[in-house]
Amino acid sequence: MKEKRLVIYPKDIMLITGRSERYSRYLIQRIKKHLGKAEHQVVSISEFCTYMGLSLDEILLIIY
């Protein structure tokens, strides 16, 4: 069984959106600002889905 993780990374966002790594990093920064997170904190997959208005199940199929 493949290990599941909580954190979303720029490479995952690149797969989901088809955008560049630079845009993916920028998007993570926007999500952190929106959620009031500190720079050292991470963005979870579910937080990303909520922010983007996407289904968690669909995203998990893409990144796993």
C-alpha atoms as a PDB file:
ATOM      1  CA  MET A   1       0.000   0.000   0.000  1.00  0.00           C
ATOM      2  CA  LYS A   2       1.331   3.416  -0.939  1.00  0.00           C
ATOM      3  CA  GLU A   3       1.929   5.841   1.901  1.00  0.00           C
ATOM      4  CA  LYS A   4      -0.512   8.743   2.035  1.00  0.00           C
ATOM      5  CA  ARG A   5       0.577  12.245   2.946  1.00  0.00           C
ATOM      6  CA  LEU A   6      -1.106  15.401   4.139  1.00  0.00           C
ATOM      7  CA  VAL A   7       1.008  18.080   2.447  1.00  0.00           C
ATOM      8  CA  ILE A   8       0.667  19.362  -1.106  1.00  0.00           C
ATOM      9  CA  TYR A   9       3.807  20.310  -3.040  1.00  0.00           C
ATOM     10  CA  PRO A  10       4.387  22.491  -6.119  1.00  0.00           C
ATOM     11  CA  LYS A  11       4.924  19.381  -8.278  1.00  0.00           C
ATOM     12  CA  ASP A  12       1.433  18.168  -7.286  1.00  0.00           C
ATOM     13  CA  ILE A  13      -0.092  21.518  -8.207  1.00  0.00           C
ATOM     14  CA  MET A  14       1.742  21.370 -11.546  1.00  0.00           C
ATOM     15  CA  LEU A  15       0.071  18.006 -12.263  1.00  0.00           C
ATOM     16  CA  ILE A  16      -3.360  19.267 -11.220  1.00  0.00           C
ATOM     17  CA  THR A  17      -3.372  22.657 -12.949  1.00  0.00           C
ATOM     18  CA  GLY A  18      -0.915  22.157 -15.800  1.00  0.00           C
ATOM     19  CA  ARG A  19       0.813  25.394 -14.813  1.00  0.00           C
ATOM     20  CA  SER A  20       4.485  26.103 -14.141  1.00  0.00           C
ATOM     21  CA  GLU A  21       6.421  25.403 -10.958  1.00  0.00           C
ATOM     22  CA  ARG A  22       6.744  29.148 -10.363  1.00  0.00           C
ATOM     23  CA  TYR A  23       2.963  29.587 -10.497  1.00  0.00           C
ATOM     24  CA  SER A  24       2.533  26.606  -8.164  1.00  0.00           C
ATOM     25  CA  ARG A  25       4.858  28.141  -5.578  1.00  0.00           C
ATOM     26  CA  TYR A  26       3.019  31.458  -5.904  1.00  0.00           C
ATOM     27  CA  LEU A  27      -0.318  29.716  -5.395  1.00  0.00           C
ATOM     28  CA  ILE A  28       0.919  28.050  -2.192  1.00  0.00           C
ATOM     29  CA  GLN A  29       1.992  31.481  -0.901  1.00  0.00           C
ATOM     30  CA  ARG A  30      -1.466  32.920  -1.711  1.00  0.00           C
ATOM     31  CA  ILE A  31      -3.174  30.043   0.121  1.00  0.00           C
ATOM     32  CA  LYS A  32      -0.937  30.539   3.180  1.00  0.00           C
ATOM     33  CA  LYS A  33      -1.747  34.260   3.219  1.00  0.00           C
ATOM     34  CA  HIS A  34      -5.470  33.562   2.835  1.00  0.00           C
ATOM     35  CA  LEU A  35      -5.399  31.066   5.726  1.00  0.00           C
ATOM     36  CA  GLY A  36      -3.193  33.247   7.931  1.00  0.00           C
ATOM     37  CA  LYS A  37      -0.398  30.694   8.082  1.00  0.00           C
ATOM     38  CA  ALA A  38       3.205  31.509   8.905  1.00  0.00           C
ATOM     39  CA  GLU A  39       5.931  31.102   6.294  1.00  0.00           C
ATOM     40  CA  HIS A  40       7.245  27.882   7.859  1.00  0.00           C
ATOM     41  CA  GLN A  41       3.826  26.186   7.935  1.00  0.00           C
ATOM     42  CA  VAL A  42       2.678  23.831   5.184  1.00  0.00           C
ATOM     43  CA  VAL A  43      -0.538  23.682   3.141  1.00  0.00           C
ATOM     44  CA  SER A  44      -2.523  20.469   3.345  1.00  0.00           C
ATOM     45  CA  ILE A  45      -4.146  18.778   0.381  1.00  0.00           C
ATOM     46  CA  SER A  46      -7.615  19.406   1.833  1.00  0.00           C
ATOM     47  CA  GLU A  47      -6.835  23.127   2.359  1.00  0.00           C
ATOM     48  CA  PHE A  48      -5.724  23.341  -1.275  1.00  0.00           C
ATOM     49  CA  CYS A  49      -8.947  21.657  -2.441  1.00  0.00           C
ATOM     50  CA  THR A  50     -11.110  23.974  -0.365  1.00  0.00           C
ATOM     51  CA  TYR A  51      -9.283  27.077  -1.628  1.00  0.00           C
ATOM     52  CA  MET A  52      -9.475  26.000  -5.268  1.00  0.00           C
ATOM     53  CA  GLY A  53     -13.033  24.632  -5.039  1.00  0.00           C
ATOM     54  CA  LEU A  54     -11.997  21.155  -6.156  1.00  0.00           C
ATOM     55  CA  SER A  55     -13.095  17.707  -5.030  1.00  0.00           C
ATOM     56  CA  LEU A  56     -10.645  15.989  -2.675  1.00  0.00           C
ATOM     57  CA  ASP A  57     -11.391  12.588  -4.237  1.00  0.00           C
ATOM     58  CA  GLU A  58     -10.523  13.796  -7.746  1.00  0.00           C
ATOM     59  CA  ILE A  59      -7.279  15.385  -6.571  1.00  0.00           C
ATOM     60  CA  LEU A  60      -6.212  12.242  -4.708  1.00  0.00           C
ATOM     61  CA  LEU A  61      -6.701  10.223  -7.897  1.00  0.00           C
ATOM     62  CA  ILE A  62      -4.366  12.559  -9.765  1.00  0.00           C
ATOM     63  CA  ILE A  63      -1.526  12.774  -7.244  1.00  0.00           C
ATOM     64  CA  TYR A  64      -1.542   9.138  -6.087  1.00  0.00           C
END
